[in-house]
Amino acid sequence: ERLKWHVDESGKESITNWSIVTHNELGGVVPETDGVITLKLIPITGRTHQLRVHCAAEGSGIIGDSLYGDNPIEWNIEDNNDEEVLHLHSYELSFPHPKTDIVMNFSSDQIMW
């Protein structure tokens, strides 16, 4: 069985800033879908499965999340569709290079589903 984390008031601090994103805020790349919202999630801390756990604790989780979502799916790499892919996309990522300590920045405006 896969290890599953949860929100625990007595556990380690875990902070995620979030906001609801509209279709036009990211240049029209956010799909407009009935009953689904797109969130901008900014993890302040870096806990295991942090974004997935926080979304599940506050609502129904992330589409395609087979561990924390409301409707877990059996993920099959041979025959997947949009509902069977974890809809968690990083459009911006920054971190210090482990050897040079130079800040590495990466960004993408293309959502892969």
N, C-alpha and C. Protein backbone atom coordinates (compact mmCIF):
# COMPACT_ATOMS: atom_id res chain seq x y z
N GLU A 1 0.84 -1.18 0.00
CA GLU A 1 0.00 0.00 0.00
C GLU A 1 0.89 1.25 0.00
N ARG A 2 0.47 2.26 -0.73
CA ARG A 2 1.22 3.50 -0.83
C ARG A 2 1.06 4.33 0.44
N LEU A 3 2.15 5.00 0.84
CA LEU A 3 2.13 5.87 2.02
C LEU A 3 1.31 7.11 1.71
N LYS A 4 0.38 7.42 2.58
CA LYS A 4 -0.51 8.57 2.37
C LYS A 4 -0.37 9.53 3.54
N TRP A 5 -0.11 10.81 3.24
CA TRP A 5 0.06 11.85 4.23
C TRP A 5 -1.28 12.53 4.50
N HIS A 6 -1.35 13.29 5.58
CA HIS A 6 -2.57 14.04 5.90
C HIS A 6 -2.21 15.30 6.70
N VAL A 7 -3.17 16.22 6.75
CA VAL A 7 -2.98 17.44 7.54
C VAL A 7 -3.13 17.07 9.01
N ASP A 8 -2.16 17.49 9.82
CA ASP A 8 -2.17 17.19 11.25
C ASP A 8 -1.70 18.43 11.99
N GLU A 9 -2.56 19.00 12.82
CA GLU A 9 -2.24 20.24 13.54
C GLU A 9 -0.98 20.10 14.40
N SER A 10 -0.65 18.88 14.84
CA SER A 10 0.53 18.70 15.67
C SER A 10 1.75 18.28 14.85
N GLY A 11 1.60 18.22 13.53
CA GLY A 11 2.70 17.82 12.66
C GLY A 11 3.61 18.98 12.30
N LYS A 12 4.53 18.74 11.38
CA LYS A 12 5.45 19.78 10.93
C LYS A 12 4.68 20.85 10.16
N GLU A 13 5.17 22.09 10.26
CA GLU A 13 4.53 23.20 9.55
C GLU A 13 4.60 22.97 8.05
N SER A 14 3.50 23.26 7.39
CA SER A 14 3.40 23.10 5.94
C SER A 14 2.52 24.22 5.41
N ILE A 15 3.09 25.10 4.59
CA ILE A 15 2.37 26.29 4.13
C ILE A 15 2.30 26.33 2.61
N THR A 16 1.09 26.53 2.10
CA THR A 16 0.86 26.71 0.66
C THR A 16 0.02 27.96 0.47
N ASN A 17 0.52 28.92 -0.29
CA ASN A 17 -0.30 30.07 -0.69
C ASN A 17 -1.05 29.67 -1.94
N TRP A 18 -2.30 30.11 -2.06
CA TRP A 18 -3.09 29.71 -3.22
C TRP A 18 -4.04 30.83 -3.64
N SER A 19 -4.43 30.78 -4.90
CA SER A 19 -5.45 31.69 -5.42
C SER A 19 -6.13 31.00 -6.60
N ILE A 20 -7.37 31.41 -6.87
CA ILE A 20 -8.10 30.88 -8.02
C ILE A 20 -7.64 31.64 -9.25
N VAL A 21 -7.34 30.91 -10.32
CA VAL A 21 -6.84 31.49 -11.56
C VAL A 21 -7.98 31.51 -12.58
N THR A 22 -8.14 32.64 -13.26
CA THR A 22 -9.14 32.72 -14.32
C THR A 22 -8.50 32.34 -15.66
N HIS A 23 -9.34 32.11 -16.63
CA HIS A 23 -8.90 31.69 -17.96
C HIS A 23 -7.89 32.66 -18.57
N ASN A 24 -8.07 33.94 -18.34
CA ASN A 24 -7.22 34.94 -18.99
C ASN A 24 -5.96 35.30 -18.20
N GLU A 25 -5.88 34.92 -16.94
CA GLU A 25 -4.73 35.31 -16.12
C GLU A 25 -3.41 34.72 -16.59
N LEU A 26 -3.46 33.57 -17.21
CA LEU A 26 -2.24 32.94 -17.72
C LEU A 26 -2.22 32.95 -19.25
N GLY A 27 -2.73 34.01 -19.83
CA GLY A 27 -2.68 34.16 -21.28
C GLY A 27 -3.59 33.21 -22.03
N GLY A 28 -4.70 32.79 -21.40
CA GLY A 28 -5.65 31.92 -22.08
C GLY A 28 -5.25 30.45 -22.09
N VAL A 29 -4.19 30.08 -21.40
CA VAL A 29 -3.76 28.68 -21.42
C VAL A 29 -4.49 27.81 -20.39
N VAL A 30 -5.25 28.43 -19.49
CA VAL A 30 -6.02 27.66 -18.52
C VAL A 30 -7.32 27.23 -19.17
N PRO A 31 -7.58 25.93 -19.23
CA PRO A 31 -8.81 25.47 -19.87
C PRO A 31 -10.05 25.93 -19.11
N GLU A 32 -11.11 26.29 -19.86
CA GLU A 32 -12.37 26.65 -19.25
C GLU A 32 -13.23 25.39 -19.20
N THR A 33 -13.52 24.91 -17.99
CA THR A 33 -14.24 23.67 -17.82
C THR A 33 -15.31 23.85 -16.75
N ASP A 34 -16.53 23.40 -17.02
CA ASP A 34 -17.61 23.50 -16.04
C ASP A 34 -17.30 22.66 -14.82
N GLY A 35 -17.49 23.23 -13.64
CA GLY A 35 -17.34 22.50 -12.40
C GLY A 35 -15.91 22.29 -11.94
N VAL A 36 -14.95 22.82 -12.67
CA VAL A 36 -13.54 22.65 -12.32
C VAL A 36 -12.92 24.03 -12.19
N ILE A 37 -12.12 24.22 -11.15
CA ILE A 37 -11.39 25.48 -11.01
C ILE A 37 -9.90 25.20 -11.13
N THR A 38 -9.19 26.21 -11.57
CA THR A 38 -7.73 26.12 -11.65
C THR A 38 -7.16 26.97 -10.53
N LEU A 39 -6.25 26.40 -9.78
CA LEU A 39 -5.62 27.10 -8.66
C LEU A 39 -4.17 27.40 -8.98
N LYS A 40 -3.71 28.53 -8.50
CA LYS A 40 -2.29 28.83 -8.49
C LYS A 40 -1.81 28.49 -7.09
N LEU A 41 -0.92 27.51 -6.99
CA LEU A 41 -0.42 27.04 -5.71
C LEU A 41 1.05 27.41 -5.57
N ILE A 42 1.39 28.02 -4.47
CA ILE A 42 2.78 28.39 -4.21
C ILE A 42 3.21 27.73 -2.89
N PRO A 43 3.98 26.65 -2.98
CA PRO A 43 4.43 26.00 -1.75
C PRO A 43 5.52 26.84 -1.07
N ILE A 44 5.29 27.20 0.16
CA ILE A 44 6.27 27.96 0.93
C ILE A 44 7.24 26.99 1.62
N THR A 45 6.71 25.90 2.09
CA THR A 45 7.52 24.83 2.65
C THR A 45 7.58 23.72 1.60
N GLY A 46 8.36 22.71 1.82
CA GLY A 46 8.51 21.65 0.83
C GLY A 46 8.27 20.27 1.40
N ARG A 47 7.06 20.01 1.84
CA ARG A 47 6.73 18.72 2.43
C ARG A 47 6.32 17.71 1.34
N THR A 48 6.47 16.45 1.65
CA THR A 48 6.09 15.38 0.73
C THR A 48 4.60 15.48 0.40
N HIS A 49 4.28 15.51 -0.89
CA HIS A 49 2.90 15.56 -1.40
C HIS A 49 2.13 16.79 -0.90
N GLN A 50 2.84 17.84 -0.50
CA GLN A 50 2.22 19.00 0.13
C GLN A 50 1.03 19.56 -0.64
N LEU A 51 1.20 19.85 -1.91
CA LEU A 51 0.12 20.46 -2.69
C LEU A 51 -1.07 19.52 -2.81
N ARG A 52 -0.79 18.25 -3.02
CA ARG A 52 -1.85 17.25 -3.15
C ARG A 52 -2.62 17.08 -1.84
N VAL A 53 -1.90 17.06 -0.72
CA VAL A 53 -2.53 16.90 0.59
C VAL A 53 -3.38 18.13 0.92
N HIS A 54 -2.85 19.32 0.68
CA HIS A 54 -3.60 20.54 1.00
C HIS A 54 -4.86 20.65 0.15
N CYS A 55 -4.78 20.34 -1.13
CA CYS A 55 -5.97 20.40 -1.98
C CYS A 55 -7.02 19.39 -1.52
N ALA A 56 -6.59 18.19 -1.19
CA ALA A 56 -7.52 17.16 -0.72
C ALA A 56 -8.16 17.56 0.61
N ALA A 57 -7.39 18.18 1.50
CA ALA A 57 -7.91 18.58 2.81
C ALA A 57 -8.94 19.70 2.70
N GLU A 58 -8.82 20.55 1.69
CA GLU A 58 -9.71 21.70 1.54
C GLU A 58 -10.85 21.48 0.56
N GLY A 59 -10.80 20.42 -0.22
CA GLY A 59 -11.83 20.20 -1.23
C GLY A 59 -11.79 18.78 -1.75
N SER A 60 -11.82 18.65 -3.05
CA SER A 60 -11.90 17.31 -3.63
C SER A 60 -10.58 16.84 -4.22
N GLY A 61 -9.52 17.57 -4.00
CA GLY A 61 -8.23 17.13 -4.51
C GLY A 61 -7.99 17.57 -5.94
N ILE A 62 -6.93 17.06 -6.52
CA ILE A 62 -6.52 17.42 -7.87
C ILE A 62 -7.00 16.35 -8.85
N ILE A 63 -7.51 16.78 -10.00
CA ILE A 63 -7.97 15.83 -11.01
C ILE A 63 -6.86 14.84 -11.33
N GLY A 64 -7.21 13.57 -11.37
CA GLY A 64 -6.26 12.52 -11.72
C GLY A 64 -5.37 12.07 -10.58
N ASP A 65 -5.58 12.59 -9.36
CA ASP A 65 -4.75 12.19 -8.23
C ASP A 65 -5.25 10.85 -7.70
N SER A 66 -4.50 9.80 -8.00
CA SER A 66 -4.93 8.46 -7.64
C SER A 66 -4.75 8.14 -6.16
N LEU A 67 -4.09 9.01 -5.41
CA LEU A 67 -3.88 8.75 -3.98
C LEU A 67 -4.74 9.64 -3.10
N TYR A 68 -4.86 10.93 -3.43
CA TYR A 68 -5.56 11.87 -2.56
C TYR A 68 -6.87 12.39 -3.14
N GLY A 69 -7.17 12.12 -4.39
CA GLY A 69 -8.38 12.62 -5.02
C GLY A 69 -9.64 11.92 -4.53
N ASP A 70 -10.80 12.53 -4.78
CA ASP A 70 -12.09 11.94 -4.39
C ASP A 70 -12.40 10.67 -5.16
N ASN A 71 -11.98 10.63 -6.41
CA ASN A 71 -12.28 9.49 -7.26
C ASN A 71 -10.99 8.89 -7.79
N PRO A 72 -10.29 8.13 -6.95
CA PRO A 72 -9.02 7.56 -7.39
C PRO A 72 -9.18 6.71 -8.65
N ILE A 73 -8.22 6.77 -9.51
CA ILE A 73 -8.25 6.01 -10.75
C ILE A 73 -7.06 5.07 -10.78
N GLU A 74 -7.18 4.04 -11.57
CA GLU A 74 -6.05 3.15 -11.81
C GLU A 74 -5.29 3.74 -12.98
N TRP A 75 -4.12 4.29 -12.72
CA TRP A 75 -3.34 4.93 -13.77
C TRP A 75 -2.66 3.88 -14.63
N ASN A 76 -2.84 4.00 -15.95
CA ASN A 76 -2.28 3.04 -16.88
C ASN A 76 -1.56 3.81 -17.97
N ILE A 77 -0.24 3.75 -18.00
CA ILE A 77 0.55 4.53 -18.96
C ILE A 77 0.26 4.15 -20.41
N GLU A 78 -0.22 2.93 -20.63
CA GLU A 78 -0.51 2.46 -21.99
C GLU A 78 -1.78 3.09 -22.55
N ASP A 79 -2.74 3.37 -21.69
CA ASP A 79 -4.05 3.80 -22.16
C ASP A 79 -4.62 4.85 -21.22
N ASN A 80 -3.97 6.03 -21.18
CA ASN A 80 -4.50 7.06 -20.29
C ASN A 80 -5.20 8.14 -21.10
N ASN A 81 -6.09 8.86 -20.41
CA ASN A 81 -6.74 10.01 -21.02
C ASN A 81 -6.61 11.18 -20.07
N ASP A 82 -7.18 12.31 -20.41
CA ASP A 82 -7.00 13.52 -19.60
C ASP A 82 -7.43 13.35 -18.15
N GLU A 83 -8.46 12.55 -17.89
CA GLU A 83 -8.94 12.37 -16.52
C GLU A 83 -8.02 11.46 -15.72
N GLU A 84 -7.13 10.73 -16.37
CA GLU A 84 -6.26 9.79 -15.68
C GLU A 84 -4.83 10.30 -15.55
N VAL A 85 -4.63 11.58 -15.78
CA VAL A 85 -3.32 12.18 -15.64
C VAL A 85 -3.41 13.21 -14.51
N LEU A 86 -2.45 13.18 -13.61
CA LEU A 86 -2.45 14.14 -12.51
C LEU A 86 -2.34 15.55 -13.08
N HIS A 87 -3.34 16.37 -12.86
CA HIS A 87 -3.39 17.73 -13.38
C HIS A 87 -2.68 18.69 -12.44
N LEU A 88 -1.39 18.47 -12.28
CA LEU A 88 -0.54 19.32 -11.46
C LEU A 88 0.62 19.74 -12.36
N HIS A 89 0.62 21.01 -12.73
CA HIS A 89 1.58 21.52 -13.71
C HIS A 89 2.35 22.68 -13.11
N SER A 90 3.66 22.60 -13.14
CA SER A 90 4.48 23.70 -12.66
C SER A 90 4.82 24.60 -13.84
N TYR A 91 4.36 25.84 -13.79
CA TYR A 91 4.70 26.75 -14.88
C TYR A 91 5.90 27.61 -14.53
N GLU A 92 6.35 27.54 -13.29
CA GLU A 92 7.54 28.27 -12.89
C GLU A 92 8.23 27.52 -11.76
N LEU A 93 9.54 27.37 -11.87
CA LEU A 93 10.31 26.64 -10.88
C LEU A 93 11.67 27.30 -10.71
N SER A 94 12.06 27.55 -9.47
CA SER A 94 13.37 28.16 -9.18
C SER A 94 14.00 27.44 -8.00
N PHE A 95 15.30 27.22 -8.09
CA PHE A 95 16.03 26.63 -6.98
C PHE A 95 17.51 26.89 -7.16
N PRO A 96 18.27 26.88 -6.05
CA PRO A 96 19.72 27.09 -6.16
C PRO A 96 20.39 25.81 -6.69
N HIS A 97 21.30 25.98 -7.63
CA HIS A 97 22.04 24.83 -8.15
C HIS A 97 22.83 24.20 -7.00
N PRO A 98 22.78 22.88 -6.86
CA PRO A 98 23.41 22.24 -5.69
C PRO A 98 24.93 22.39 -5.61
N LYS A 99 25.60 22.65 -6.72
CA LYS A 99 27.06 22.79 -6.68
C LYS A 99 27.53 24.24 -6.75
N THR A 100 26.86 25.05 -7.59
CA THR A 100 27.31 26.43 -7.80
C THR A 100 26.54 27.45 -6.96
N ASP A 101 25.39 27.06 -6.46
CA ASP A 101 24.49 27.92 -5.69
C ASP A 101 23.87 29.04 -6.54
N ILE A 102 24.07 28.99 -7.85
CA ILE A 102 23.43 29.94 -8.76
C ILE A 102 21.95 29.58 -8.85
N VAL A 103 21.08 30.58 -8.77
CA VAL A 103 19.64 30.32 -8.84
C VAL A 103 19.26 29.92 -10.26
N MET A 104 18.64 28.76 -10.39
CA MET A 104 18.18 28.23 -11.68
C MET A 104 16.70 28.55 -11.80
N ASN A 105 16.28 29.14 -12.92
CA ASN A 105 14.88 29.49 -13.16
C ASN A 105 14.39 28.78 -14.40
N PHE A 106 13.22 28.18 -14.31
CA PHE A 106 12.59 27.50 -15.43
C PHE A 106 11.14 27.93 -15.48
N SER A 107 10.60 28.09 -16.68
CA SER A 107 9.20 28.44 -16.82
C SER A 107 8.62 27.83 -18.10
N SER A 108 7.31 27.66 -18.09
CA SER A 108 6.60 27.10 -19.22
C SER A 108 5.20 27.67 -19.22
N ASP A 109 4.68 28.00 -20.39
CA ASP A 109 3.30 28.48 -20.44
C ASP A 109 2.39 27.45 -21.09
N GLN A 110 2.90 26.25 -21.32
CA GLN A 110 2.10 25.21 -21.97
C GLN A 110 1.65 24.17 -20.94
N ILE A 111 0.34 24.00 -20.81
CA ILE A 111 -0.19 22.97 -19.94
C ILE A 111 -0.32 21.70 -20.78
N MET A 112 0.11 20.58 -20.23
CA MET A 112 0.26 19.36 -20.99
C MET A 112 -1.01 18.50 -21.07
N TRP A 113 -2.16 18.99 -20.69
CA TRP A 113 -3.38 18.20 -20.84
C TRP A 113 -4.43 19.00 -21.53
